Amino acid sequence: MSNKNIEILLVSDSRLLIDGLRKILESEVCIRVIAHFSDLNELSAFLKEKSPDYIFLDKRVQSSDIEKFLLSKKIKSKGTEIILLSDEDGNENCHGSFITVNQNTSAVELIDIIKNRRELQKDLIIKNTIIKEPEIKVTKAESRIINLVTSGHTNKEIAEKLKVSEKTIKAHVTSIFTKLNVQNRYQLMVYGRRNMKRI
């Protein structure tokens, strides 16, 4: 891990959520919350001057055009990753441009997502050259499972959606880990985001 702190912005109109997240994230020496905002207009003005590593965005923020913001080329060009908190049960990151978490995501899982994403970025860069990942064929069933995992669904939720046993889903996920050479669920989420359109 680089000695450089991971900088993150928090966006929510819930002060309780902001205070709780700040305390959780800043318990990690490598993560620094550089600001928090209650609406997207304040955030957009701040981003003209700063480029954080992450933006944690509460989709429940009122009176904000979330979809327009998520598709903003300016955000993507800054290399800023968006972590979207949503209480919906859909494939929120269909555009492949952000990470989705929900109310079932634990503090430990959120921190792991942030750290693993940074480690994967480092692993893929050598002397400022992006390594092209080999194309790996996945089946339609595996593709659907990857998309559901990337959307933040648990094995139990995926099993219910696909009308199979949880044991079957666990076996599929283990097989996918091996095929894609990923070590855990969060690396699989990153893979899913990066390859959403291709798979």
N, C-alpha and C. Protein backbone atom coordinates (compact mmCIF):
# COMPACT_ATOMS: atom_id res chain seq x y z
N MET A 1 0.83 -1.19 0.00
CA MET A 1 0.00 0.00 0.00
C MET A 1 0.87 1.25 0.00
N SER A 2 0.48 2.22 -0.77
CA SER A 2 1.24 3.47 -0.82
C SER A 2 1.14 4.20 0.50
N ASN A 3 2.18 5.01 0.83
CA ASN A 3 2.15 5.81 2.04
C ASN A 3 1.16 6.96 1.92
N LYS A 4 0.78 7.30 0.71
CA LYS A 4 -0.17 8.39 0.49
C LYS A 4 -1.54 8.00 1.03
N ASN A 5 -2.14 8.93 1.77
CA ASN A 5 -3.47 8.68 2.31
C ASN A 5 -4.50 8.53 1.20
N ILE A 6 -5.49 7.71 1.43
CA ILE A 6 -6.65 7.60 0.53
C ILE A 6 -7.62 8.70 0.95
N GLU A 7 -7.90 9.63 0.05
CA GLU A 7 -8.78 10.76 0.38
C GLU A 7 -10.20 10.49 -0.09
N ILE A 8 -11.16 10.74 0.80
CA ILE A 8 -12.55 10.45 0.48
C ILE A 8 -13.45 11.61 0.90
N LEU A 9 -14.46 11.89 0.07
CA LEU A 9 -15.49 12.88 0.38
C LEU A 9 -16.77 12.14 0.76
N LEU A 10 -17.51 12.69 1.69
CA LEU A 10 -18.78 12.10 2.11
C LEU A 10 -19.92 13.03 1.71
N VAL A 11 -20.96 12.45 1.09
CA VAL A 11 -22.10 13.26 0.66
C VAL A 11 -23.39 12.61 1.16
N SER A 12 -24.06 13.28 2.08
CA SER A 12 -25.34 12.81 2.62
C SER A 12 -26.00 13.96 3.36
N ASP A 13 -27.35 13.97 3.37
CA ASP A 13 -28.03 14.99 4.17
C ASP A 13 -28.39 14.45 5.55
N SER A 14 -27.81 13.29 5.89
CA SER A 14 -27.96 12.73 7.23
C SER A 14 -26.69 13.00 8.02
N ARG A 15 -26.75 13.88 9.00
CA ARG A 15 -25.57 14.19 9.80
C ARG A 15 -25.11 12.98 10.62
N LEU A 16 -26.09 12.17 11.04
CA LEU A 16 -25.75 10.96 11.79
C LEU A 16 -24.91 10.01 10.95
N LEU A 17 -25.29 9.84 9.67
CA LEU A 17 -24.53 8.97 8.77
C LEU A 17 -23.13 9.54 8.53
N ILE A 18 -23.06 10.83 8.28
CA ILE A 18 -21.77 11.48 8.04
C ILE A 18 -20.83 11.30 9.23
N ASP A 19 -21.33 11.59 10.43
CA ASP A 19 -20.49 11.49 11.64
C ASP A 19 -20.04 10.06 11.88
N GLY A 20 -20.95 9.10 11.65
CA GLY A 20 -20.60 7.70 11.84
C GLY A 20 -19.56 7.22 10.85
N LEU A 21 -19.74 7.58 9.58
CA LEU A 21 -18.79 7.19 8.54
C LEU A 21 -17.41 7.81 8.78
N ARG A 22 -17.40 9.08 9.15
CA ARG A 22 -16.12 9.76 9.40
C ARG A 22 -15.34 9.03 10.50
N LYS A 23 -16.03 8.68 11.57
CA LYS A 23 -15.37 8.00 12.69
C LYS A 23 -14.84 6.64 12.26
N ILE A 24 -15.65 5.90 11.47
CA ILE A 24 -15.25 4.56 11.02
C ILE A 24 -14.05 4.64 10.07
N LEU A 25 -14.15 5.50 9.06
CA LEU A 25 -13.11 5.57 8.04
C LEU A 25 -11.79 6.12 8.59
N GLU A 26 -11.89 7.12 9.45
CA GLU A 26 -10.66 7.72 9.97
C GLU A 26 -10.03 6.91 11.10
N SER A 27 -10.66 5.76 11.44
CA SER A 27 -10.00 4.83 12.35
C SER A 27 -8.88 4.09 11.63
N GLU A 28 -8.90 4.17 10.28
CA GLU A 28 -7.84 3.60 9.46
C GLU A 28 -6.81 4.69 9.18
N VAL A 29 -5.55 4.41 9.49
CA VAL A 29 -4.52 5.45 9.35
C VAL A 29 -4.32 5.88 7.90
N CYS A 30 -4.69 5.03 6.94
CA CYS A 30 -4.43 5.35 5.54
C CYS A 30 -5.61 6.05 4.86
N ILE A 31 -6.72 6.24 5.57
CA ILE A 31 -7.91 6.86 4.98
C ILE A 31 -8.17 8.20 5.65
N ARG A 32 -8.40 9.24 4.83
CA ARG A 32 -8.66 10.57 5.37
C ARG A 32 -9.90 11.17 4.73
N VAL A 33 -10.88 11.54 5.53
CA VAL A 33 -12.08 12.23 5.05
C VAL A 33 -11.72 13.71 4.92
N ILE A 34 -11.72 14.22 3.69
CA ILE A 34 -11.25 15.59 3.48
C ILE A 34 -12.37 16.63 3.52
N ALA A 35 -13.63 16.15 3.38
CA ALA A 35 -14.76 17.08 3.46
C ALA A 35 -16.05 16.28 3.43
N HIS A 36 -17.15 16.95 3.83
CA HIS A 36 -18.46 16.33 3.68
C HIS A 36 -19.46 17.40 3.22
N PHE A 37 -20.46 16.96 2.47
CA PHE A 37 -21.45 17.87 1.90
C PHE A 37 -22.84 17.27 2.03
N SER A 38 -23.84 18.15 1.99
CA SER A 38 -25.22 17.68 2.09
C SER A 38 -25.96 17.72 0.76
N ASP A 39 -25.34 18.29 -0.27
CA ASP A 39 -25.97 18.28 -1.59
C ASP A 39 -24.90 18.31 -2.69
N LEU A 40 -25.34 18.01 -3.91
CA LEU A 40 -24.41 17.87 -5.03
C LEU A 40 -23.89 19.20 -5.55
N ASN A 41 -24.62 20.29 -5.33
CA ASN A 41 -24.13 21.58 -5.79
C ASN A 41 -22.86 21.98 -5.04
N GLU A 42 -22.88 21.77 -3.72
CA GLU A 42 -21.68 22.06 -2.91
C GLU A 42 -20.53 21.16 -3.34
N LEU A 43 -20.85 19.88 -3.58
CA LEU A 43 -19.82 18.92 -3.99
C LEU A 43 -19.20 19.32 -5.32
N SER A 44 -20.03 19.68 -6.30
CA SER A 44 -19.52 20.03 -7.63
C SER A 44 -18.58 21.23 -7.57
N ALA A 45 -18.92 22.20 -6.74
CA ALA A 45 -18.06 23.37 -6.60
C ALA A 45 -16.71 22.98 -5.99
N PHE A 46 -16.72 22.10 -5.01
CA PHE A 46 -15.49 21.65 -4.36
C PHE A 46 -14.61 20.89 -5.35
N LEU A 47 -15.24 20.07 -6.21
CA LEU A 47 -14.48 19.23 -7.14
C LEU A 47 -13.78 20.03 -8.24
N LYS A 48 -14.11 21.28 -8.38
CA LYS A 48 -13.40 22.12 -9.34
C LYS A 48 -11.96 22.37 -8.88
N GLU A 49 -11.75 22.25 -7.58
CA GLU A 49 -10.43 22.51 -7.00
C GLU A 49 -9.70 21.25 -6.56
N LYS A 50 -10.46 20.22 -6.16
CA LYS A 50 -9.86 19.02 -5.58
C LYS A 50 -10.30 17.77 -6.34
N SER A 51 -9.45 16.73 -6.30
CA SER A 51 -9.76 15.45 -6.93
C SER A 51 -9.52 14.33 -5.91
N PRO A 52 -10.53 14.00 -5.09
CA PRO A 52 -10.35 12.95 -4.09
C PRO A 52 -10.27 11.57 -4.75
N ASP A 53 -9.81 10.62 -4.00
CA ASP A 53 -9.76 9.24 -4.52
C ASP A 53 -11.16 8.64 -4.60
N TYR A 54 -11.99 8.96 -3.61
CA TYR A 54 -13.34 8.40 -3.54
C TYR A 54 -14.36 9.47 -3.15
N ILE A 55 -15.58 9.27 -3.62
CA ILE A 55 -16.73 10.02 -3.14
C ILE A 55 -17.74 9.00 -2.64
N PHE A 56 -18.07 9.07 -1.35
CA PHE A 56 -19.14 8.23 -0.81
C PHE A 56 -20.44 9.01 -0.94
N LEU A 57 -21.34 8.54 -1.79
CA LEU A 57 -22.54 9.30 -2.14
C LEU A 57 -23.80 8.55 -1.68
N ASP A 58 -24.54 9.19 -0.80
CA ASP A 58 -25.82 8.65 -0.33
C ASP A 58 -26.88 8.96 -1.37
N LYS A 59 -27.41 7.94 -2.03
CA LYS A 59 -28.37 8.18 -3.11
C LYS A 59 -29.67 8.81 -2.61
N ARG A 60 -29.87 8.78 -1.31
CA ARG A 60 -31.10 9.34 -0.74
C ARG A 60 -31.04 10.86 -0.57
N VAL A 61 -29.91 11.47 -0.97
CA VAL A 61 -29.80 12.93 -0.89
C VAL A 61 -30.96 13.57 -1.64
N GLN A 62 -31.65 14.48 -1.00
CA GLN A 62 -32.84 15.08 -1.58
C GLN A 62 -32.49 16.17 -2.60
N SER A 63 -33.39 16.38 -3.55
CA SER A 63 -33.30 17.47 -4.54
C SER A 63 -31.98 17.46 -5.31
N SER A 64 -31.52 16.28 -5.69
CA SER A 64 -30.27 16.20 -6.44
C SER A 64 -30.45 15.29 -7.64
N ASP A 65 -29.83 15.67 -8.76
CA ASP A 65 -29.87 14.85 -9.96
C ASP A 65 -28.73 13.84 -9.88
N ILE A 66 -28.96 12.76 -9.14
CA ILE A 66 -27.93 11.76 -8.90
C ILE A 66 -27.45 11.13 -10.20
N GLU A 67 -28.41 10.74 -11.06
CA GLU A 67 -28.06 10.04 -12.29
C GLU A 67 -27.16 10.90 -13.18
N LYS A 68 -27.48 12.16 -13.32
CA LYS A 68 -26.66 13.07 -14.13
C LYS A 68 -25.26 13.18 -13.56
N PHE A 69 -25.16 13.26 -12.24
CA PHE A 69 -23.86 13.37 -11.59
C PHE A 69 -23.03 12.11 -11.83
N LEU A 70 -23.66 10.94 -11.70
CA LEU A 70 -22.94 9.67 -11.85
C LEU A 70 -22.38 9.49 -13.26
N LEU A 71 -23.06 10.06 -14.23
CA LEU A 71 -22.62 9.92 -15.62
C LEU A 71 -21.69 11.04 -16.07
N SER A 72 -21.37 11.93 -15.15
CA SER A 72 -20.54 13.08 -15.49
C SER A 72 -19.15 12.66 -15.94
N LYS A 73 -18.76 13.09 -17.13
CA LYS A 73 -17.42 12.77 -17.65
C LYS A 73 -16.35 13.48 -16.85
N LYS A 74 -16.69 14.62 -16.26
CA LYS A 74 -15.71 15.37 -15.47
C LYS A 74 -15.26 14.55 -14.27
N ILE A 75 -16.20 13.84 -13.65
CA ILE A 75 -15.86 13.02 -12.48
C ILE A 75 -14.95 11.89 -12.91
N LYS A 76 -15.32 11.22 -14.00
CA LYS A 76 -14.54 10.08 -14.46
C LYS A 76 -13.14 10.51 -14.89
N SER A 77 -13.03 11.68 -15.50
CA SER A 77 -11.73 12.14 -15.99
C SER A 77 -10.77 12.46 -14.84
N LYS A 78 -11.31 12.74 -13.66
CA LYS A 78 -10.46 13.02 -12.50
C LYS A 78 -9.92 11.74 -11.86
N GLY A 79 -10.42 10.59 -12.28
CA GLY A 79 -9.98 9.34 -11.70
C GLY A 79 -10.58 9.08 -10.33
N THR A 80 -11.65 9.79 -10.01
CA THR A 80 -12.32 9.63 -8.72
C THR A 80 -13.31 8.47 -8.78
N GLU A 81 -13.23 7.59 -7.79
CA GLU A 81 -14.16 6.46 -7.69
C GLU A 81 -15.37 6.88 -6.86
N ILE A 82 -16.56 6.45 -7.28
CA ILE A 82 -17.78 6.76 -6.55
C ILE A 82 -18.30 5.51 -5.86
N ILE A 83 -18.55 5.61 -4.56
CA ILE A 83 -19.19 4.54 -3.80
C ILE A 83 -20.60 5.01 -3.52
N LEU A 84 -21.58 4.33 -4.10
CA LEU A 84 -22.97 4.76 -4.02
C LEU A 84 -23.73 3.94 -2.99
N LEU A 85 -24.30 4.62 -1.99
CA LEU A 85 -25.15 3.96 -1.00
C LEU A 85 -26.58 4.02 -1.48
N SER A 86 -27.18 2.85 -1.71
CA SER A 86 -28.54 2.81 -2.23
C SER A 86 -29.34 1.77 -1.46
N ASP A 87 -30.62 2.04 -1.24
CA ASP A 87 -31.47 1.07 -0.57
C ASP A 87 -32.33 0.30 -1.58
N GLU A 88 -32.05 0.50 -2.87
CA GLU A 88 -32.81 -0.19 -3.90
C GLU A 88 -32.21 -1.57 -4.17
N ASP A 89 -33.04 -2.45 -4.75
CA ASP A 89 -32.61 -3.84 -4.95
C ASP A 89 -32.28 -4.10 -6.42
N GLY A 90 -31.79 -3.09 -7.12
CA GLY A 90 -31.51 -3.26 -8.55
C GLY A 90 -30.03 -3.24 -8.84
N ASN A 91 -29.72 -3.38 -10.15
CA ASN A 91 -28.33 -3.33 -10.58
C ASN A 91 -27.94 -1.87 -10.75
N GLU A 92 -27.57 -1.22 -9.66
CA GLU A 92 -27.37 0.22 -9.66
C GLU A 92 -26.21 0.67 -10.53
N ASN A 93 -25.19 -0.17 -10.68
CA ASN A 93 -24.02 0.29 -11.42
C ASN A 93 -24.01 -0.27 -12.83
N CYS A 94 -25.16 -0.17 -13.51
CA CYS A 94 -25.28 -0.69 -14.86
C CYS A 94 -24.38 0.07 -15.83
N HIS A 95 -23.94 1.25 -15.45
CA HIS A 95 -23.03 2.01 -16.32
C HIS A 95 -21.58 1.66 -16.07
N GLY A 96 -21.34 0.80 -15.09
CA GLY A 96 -19.98 0.34 -14.82
C GLY A 96 -19.06 1.44 -14.34
N SER A 97 -19.62 2.50 -13.72
CA SER A 97 -18.79 3.64 -13.35
C SER A 97 -18.69 3.87 -11.86
N PHE A 98 -19.29 3.01 -11.05
CA PHE A 98 -19.22 3.22 -9.61
C PHE A 98 -19.48 1.93 -8.84
N ILE A 99 -19.16 1.98 -7.55
CA ILE A 99 -19.32 0.83 -6.66
C ILE A 99 -20.62 1.01 -5.89
N THR A 100 -21.42 -0.05 -5.79
CA THR A 100 -22.67 0.03 -5.05
C THR A 100 -22.57 -0.69 -3.72
N VAL A 101 -23.01 -0.03 -2.66
CA VAL A 101 -23.15 -0.67 -1.35
C VAL A 101 -24.57 -0.41 -0.86
N ASN A 102 -25.00 -1.14 0.16
CA ASN A 102 -26.34 -0.94 0.71
C ASN A 102 -26.31 -1.03 2.22
N GLN A 103 -27.50 -1.02 2.83
CA GLN A 103 -27.58 -0.99 4.29
C GLN A 103 -27.03 -2.26 4.93
N ASN A 104 -26.84 -3.31 4.14
CA ASN A 104 -26.28 -4.56 4.67
C ASN A 104 -24.76 -4.60 4.63
N THR A 105 -24.15 -3.60 4.00
CA THR A 105 -22.68 -3.55 3.92
C THR A 105 -22.11 -3.13 5.27
N SER A 106 -21.20 -3.91 5.80
CA SER A 106 -20.62 -3.59 7.11
C SER A 106 -19.47 -2.59 6.96
N ALA A 107 -19.06 -2.01 8.09
CA ALA A 107 -17.94 -1.08 8.09
C ALA A 107 -16.67 -1.76 7.60
N VAL A 108 -16.45 -2.99 8.03
CA VAL A 108 -15.26 -3.75 7.62
C VAL A 108 -15.28 -3.98 6.12
N GLU A 109 -16.45 -4.33 5.57
CA GLU A 109 -16.56 -4.56 4.13
C GLU A 109 -16.30 -3.29 3.34
N LEU A 110 -16.80 -2.16 3.82
CA LEU A 110 -16.58 -0.88 3.12
C LEU A 110 -15.10 -0.54 3.08
N ILE A 111 -14.42 -0.70 4.19
CA ILE A 111 -12.99 -0.41 4.25
C ILE A 111 -12.22 -1.36 3.33
N ASP A 112 -12.61 -2.64 3.32
CA ASP A 112 -11.95 -3.61 2.44
C ASP A 112 -12.13 -3.25 0.97
N ILE A 113 -13.33 -2.78 0.61
CA ILE A 113 -13.60 -2.37 -0.77
C ILE A 113 -12.64 -1.25 -1.16
N ILE A 114 -12.52 -0.26 -0.31
CA ILE A 114 -11.65 0.89 -0.59
C ILE A 114 -10.20 0.46 -0.72
N LYS A 115 -9.72 -0.34 0.21
CA LYS A 115 -8.32 -0.76 0.20
C LYS A 115 -8.02 -1.70 -0.96
N ASN A 116 -8.91 -2.66 -1.22
CA ASN A 116 -8.66 -3.62 -2.30
C ASN A 116 -8.67 -2.94 -3.66
N ARG A 117 -9.54 -1.95 -3.83
CA ARG A 117 -9.59 -1.22 -5.10
C ARG A 117 -8.26 -0.52 -5.35
N ARG A 118 -7.71 0.10 -4.31
CA ARG A 118 -6.45 0.80 -4.45
C ARG A 118 -5.31 -0.16 -4.76
N GLU A 119 -5.31 -1.33 -4.11
CA GLU A 119 -4.25 -2.31 -4.37
C GLU A 119 -4.33 -2.84 -5.80
N LEU A 120 -5.55 -3.05 -6.30
CA LEU A 120 -5.70 -3.54 -7.67
C LEU A 120 -5.23 -2.50 -8.68
N GLN A 121 -5.49 -1.23 -8.39
CA GLN A 121 -5.01 -0.17 -9.28
C GLN A 121 -3.49 -0.17 -9.34
N LYS A 122 -2.85 -0.35 -8.20
CA LYS A 122 -1.38 -0.38 -8.16
C LYS A 122 -0.84 -1.57 -8.93
N ASP A 123 -1.50 -2.73 -8.76
CA ASP A 123 -1.03 -3.94 -9.42
C ASP A 123 -1.11 -3.85 -10.94
N LEU A 124 -2.06 -3.04 -11.44
CA LEU A 124 -2.28 -2.94 -12.88
C LEU A 124 -1.43 -1.86 -13.55
N ILE A 125 -0.67 -1.12 -12.74
CA ILE A 125 0.14 -0.02 -13.30
C ILE A 125 1.63 -0.28 -13.09
N ILE A 126 2.37 -0.31 -14.17
CA ILE A 126 3.83 -0.46 -14.10
C ILE A 126 4.43 0.62 -15.00
N LYS A 127 5.20 1.53 -14.36
CA LYS A 127 5.82 2.64 -15.09
C LYS A 127 4.79 3.42 -15.90
N ASN A 128 3.64 3.69 -15.26
CA ASN A 128 2.54 4.48 -15.85
C ASN A 128 1.90 3.83 -17.07
N THR A 129 2.10 2.53 -17.26
CA THR A 129 1.48 1.82 -18.37
C THR A 129 0.43 0.87 -17.83
N ILE A 130 -0.78 1.00 -18.32
CA ILE A 130 -1.85 0.12 -17.88
C ILE A 130 -1.70 -1.24 -18.57
N ILE A 131 -1.69 -2.31 -17.78
CA ILE A 131 -1.58 -3.65 -18.33
C ILE A 131 -2.95 -4.10 -18.81
N LYS A 132 -3.03 -4.55 -20.01
CA LYS A 132 -4.30 -5.04 -20.54
C LYS A 132 -4.57 -6.43 -19.98
N GLU A 133 -5.72 -6.59 -19.32
CA GLU A 133 -6.05 -7.87 -18.73
C GLU A 133 -6.48 -8.86 -19.81
N PRO A 134 -6.09 -10.12 -19.70
CA PRO A 134 -6.51 -11.10 -20.68
C PRO A 134 -8.02 -11.30 -20.64
N GLU A 135 -8.62 -11.47 -21.79
CA GLU A 135 -10.06 -11.68 -21.84
C GLU A 135 -10.38 -13.10 -21.39
N ILE A 136 -11.26 -13.21 -20.41
CA ILE A 136 -11.63 -14.51 -19.87
C ILE A 136 -13.10 -14.75 -20.17
N LYS A 137 -13.41 -15.90 -20.71
CA LYS A 137 -14.78 -16.23 -21.07
C LYS A 137 -15.53 -16.69 -19.82
N VAL A 138 -16.68 -16.10 -19.59
CA VAL A 138 -17.55 -16.57 -18.51
C VAL A 138 -18.90 -16.95 -19.11
N THR A 139 -19.57 -17.90 -18.48
CA THR A 139 -20.87 -18.34 -18.97
C THR A 139 -21.93 -17.30 -18.64
N LYS A 140 -23.12 -17.44 -19.23
CA LYS A 140 -24.20 -16.50 -18.94
C LYS A 140 -24.60 -16.55 -17.48
N ALA A 141 -24.60 -17.77 -16.91
CA ALA A 141 -24.95 -17.92 -15.49
C ALA A 141 -23.91 -17.24 -14.61
N GLU A 142 -22.63 -17.43 -14.95
CA GLU A 142 -21.56 -16.81 -14.18
C GLU A 142 -21.62 -15.28 -14.31
N SER A 143 -21.93 -14.82 -15.51
CA SER A 143 -22.03 -13.38 -15.76
C SER A 143 -23.11 -12.76 -14.88
N ARG A 144 -24.25 -13.45 -14.79
CA ARG A 144 -25.35 -12.91 -13.98
C ARG A 144 -24.98 -12.88 -12.50
N ILE A 145 -24.30 -13.94 -12.05
CA ILE A 145 -23.86 -13.99 -10.65
C ILE A 145 -22.86 -12.88 -10.36
N ILE A 146 -21.91 -12.66 -11.28
CA ILE A 146 -20.92 -11.59 -11.11
C ILE A 146 -21.62 -10.24 -11.01
N ASN A 147 -22.59 -10.00 -11.87
CA ASN A 147 -23.32 -8.74 -11.85
C ASN A 147 -24.08 -8.54 -10.53
N LEU A 148 -24.66 -9.62 -10.03
CA LEU A 148 -25.41 -9.53 -8.77
C LEU A 148 -24.47 -9.30 -7.58
N VAL A 149 -23.33 -9.98 -7.59
CA VAL A 149 -22.33 -9.75 -6.53
C VAL A 149 -21.85 -8.30 -6.58
N THR A 150 -21.59 -7.82 -7.79
CA THR A 150 -21.11 -6.44 -7.97
C THR A 150 -22.13 -5.43 -7.46
N SER A 151 -23.41 -5.80 -7.55
CA SER A 151 -24.48 -4.91 -7.09
C SER A 151 -24.67 -4.97 -5.58
N GLY A 152 -23.88 -5.82 -4.91
CA GLY A 152 -23.95 -5.87 -3.45
C GLY A 152 -24.83 -6.95 -2.87
N HIS A 153 -25.32 -7.88 -3.73
CA HIS A 153 -26.19 -8.94 -3.24
C HIS A 153 -25.39 -10.02 -2.51
N THR A 154 -25.98 -10.59 -1.48
CA THR A 154 -25.37 -11.71 -0.76
C THR A 154 -25.66 -13.01 -1.52
N ASN A 155 -24.96 -14.09 -1.14
CA ASN A 155 -25.22 -15.39 -1.76
C ASN A 155 -26.68 -15.82 -1.58
N LYS A 156 -27.21 -15.55 -0.40
CA LYS A 156 -28.60 -15.92 -0.12
C LYS A 156 -29.56 -15.17 -1.04
N GLU A 157 -29.31 -13.87 -1.22
CA GLU A 157 -30.18 -13.06 -2.09
C GLU A 157 -30.07 -13.52 -3.54
N ILE A 158 -28.85 -13.86 -3.97
CA ILE A 158 -28.66 -14.33 -5.34
C ILE A 158 -29.38 -15.66 -5.55
N ALA A 159 -29.29 -16.54 -4.56
CA ALA A 159 -29.96 -17.84 -4.64
C ALA A 159 -31.47 -17.66 -4.78
N GLU A 160 -32.03 -16.71 -4.03
CA GLU A 160 -33.47 -16.45 -4.12
C GLU A 160 -33.85 -15.90 -5.49
N LYS A 161 -33.02 -15.02 -6.03
CA LYS A 161 -33.30 -14.44 -7.34
C LYS A 161 -33.26 -15.49 -8.44
N LEU A 162 -32.25 -16.39 -8.36
CA LEU A 162 -32.05 -17.39 -9.41
C LEU A 162 -32.79 -18.68 -9.14
N LYS A 163 -33.49 -18.72 -7.98
CA LYS A 163 -34.31 -19.88 -7.61
C LYS A 163 -33.49 -21.18 -7.55
N VAL A 164 -32.34 -21.07 -6.90
CA VAL A 164 -31.49 -22.24 -6.65
C VAL A 164 -31.08 -22.19 -5.19
N SER A 165 -30.37 -23.22 -4.73
CA SER A 165 -29.94 -23.25 -3.33
C SER A 165 -28.75 -22.32 -3.10
N GLU A 166 -28.61 -21.88 -1.85
CA GLU A 166 -27.47 -21.03 -1.50
C GLU A 166 -26.17 -21.80 -1.67
N LYS A 167 -26.21 -23.11 -1.43
CA LYS A 167 -25.04 -23.96 -1.60
C LYS A 167 -24.56 -23.94 -3.05
N THR A 168 -25.52 -23.96 -3.99
CA THR A 168 -25.18 -23.91 -5.42
C THR A 168 -24.50 -22.60 -5.78
N ILE A 169 -25.01 -21.49 -5.22
CA ILE A 169 -24.41 -20.18 -5.50
C ILE A 169 -23.00 -20.12 -4.93
N LYS A 170 -22.80 -20.64 -3.72
CA LYS A 170 -21.47 -20.64 -3.12
C LYS A 170 -20.48 -21.40 -4.00
N ALA A 171 -20.93 -22.53 -4.56
CA ALA A 171 -20.07 -23.32 -5.45
C ALA A 171 -19.73 -22.53 -6.71
N HIS A 172 -20.72 -21.82 -7.26
CA HIS A 172 -20.49 -21.00 -8.45
C HIS A 172 -19.49 -19.88 -8.15
N VAL A 173 -19.68 -19.22 -7.02
CA VAL A 173 -18.80 -18.10 -6.66
C VAL A 173 -17.36 -18.58 -6.48
N THR A 174 -17.20 -19.73 -5.82
CA THR A 174 -15.87 -20.31 -5.65
C THR A 174 -15.22 -20.61 -6.99
N SER A 175 -16.01 -21.17 -7.91
CA SER A 175 -15.52 -21.48 -9.25
C SER A 175 -15.14 -20.21 -10.01
N ILE A 176 -15.93 -19.16 -9.85
CA ILE A 176 -15.65 -17.88 -10.50
C ILE A 176 -14.35 -17.28 -9.96
N PHE A 177 -14.16 -17.37 -8.63
CA PHE A 177 -12.91 -16.88 -8.03
C PHE A 177 -11.71 -17.53 -8.72
N THR A 178 -11.79 -18.85 -8.87
CA THR A 178 -10.68 -19.59 -9.48
C THR A 178 -10.47 -19.18 -10.93
N LYS A 179 -11.57 -19.11 -11.69
CA LYS A 179 -11.48 -18.78 -13.11
C LYS A 179 -10.90 -17.39 -13.34
N LEU A 180 -11.31 -16.43 -12.52
CA LEU A 180 -10.88 -15.04 -12.71
C LEU A 180 -9.63 -14.68 -11.92
N ASN A 181 -9.16 -15.65 -11.13
CA ASN A 181 -7.97 -15.44 -10.30
C ASN A 181 -8.14 -14.24 -9.36
N VAL A 182 -9.29 -14.19 -8.69
CA VAL A 182 -9.52 -13.18 -7.67
C VAL A 182 -9.54 -13.87 -6.31
N GLN A 183 -9.20 -13.11 -5.27
CA GLN A 183 -9.02 -13.71 -3.95
C GLN A 183 -10.23 -13.57 -3.04
N ASN A 184 -11.08 -12.59 -3.31
CA ASN A 184 -12.22 -12.39 -2.42
C ASN A 184 -13.36 -11.69 -3.17
N ARG A 185 -14.44 -11.50 -2.44
CA ARG A 185 -15.67 -10.96 -3.03
C ARG A 185 -15.48 -9.53 -3.53
N TYR A 186 -14.63 -8.78 -2.87
CA TYR A 186 -14.48 -7.37 -3.22
C TYR A 186 -13.64 -7.20 -4.48
N GLN A 187 -12.67 -8.08 -4.67
CA GLN A 187 -11.93 -8.07 -5.93
C GLN A 187 -12.85 -8.47 -7.08
N LEU A 188 -13.80 -9.38 -6.79
CA LEU A 188 -14.77 -9.77 -7.82
C LEU A 188 -15.68 -8.59 -8.16
N MET A 189 -16.05 -7.78 -7.15
CA MET A 189 -16.86 -6.59 -7.41
C MET A 189 -16.14 -5.63 -8.33
N VAL A 190 -14.83 -5.45 -8.08
CA VAL A 190 -14.04 -4.57 -8.93
C VAL A 190 -13.98 -5.11 -10.34
N TYR A 191 -13.77 -6.43 -10.48
CA TYR A 191 -13.75 -7.05 -11.80
C TYR A 191 -15.09 -6.82 -12.51
N GLY A 192 -16.18 -7.02 -11.77
CA GLY A 192 -17.51 -6.84 -12.36
C GLY A 192 -17.73 -5.43 -12.85
N ARG A 193 -17.27 -4.44 -12.07
CA ARG A 193 -17.42 -3.06 -12.49
C ARG A 193 -16.63 -2.78 -13.77
N ARG A 194 -15.41 -3.30 -13.81
CA ARG A 194 -14.53 -3.02 -14.95
C ARG A 194 -15.00 -3.73 -16.23
N ASN A 195 -15.67 -4.85 -16.06
CA ASN A 195 -16.02 -5.66 -17.22
C ASN A 195 -17.52 -5.78 -17.44
N MET A 196 -18.31 -4.91 -16.80
CA MET A 196 -19.76 -5.02 -16.85
C MET A 196 -20.31 -5.09 -18.27
N LYS A 197 -19.82 -4.21 -19.15
CA LYS A 197 -20.34 -4.20 -20.51
C LYS A 197 -19.89 -5.42 -21.30
N ARG A 198 -18.63 -5.83 -21.05
CA ARG A 198 -18.08 -6.94 -21.82
C ARG A 198 -18.76 -8.25 -21.48
N ILE A 199 -19.12 -8.45 -20.17
CA ILE A 199 -19.72 -9.71 -19.80
C ILE A 199 -21.24 -9.65 -19.84
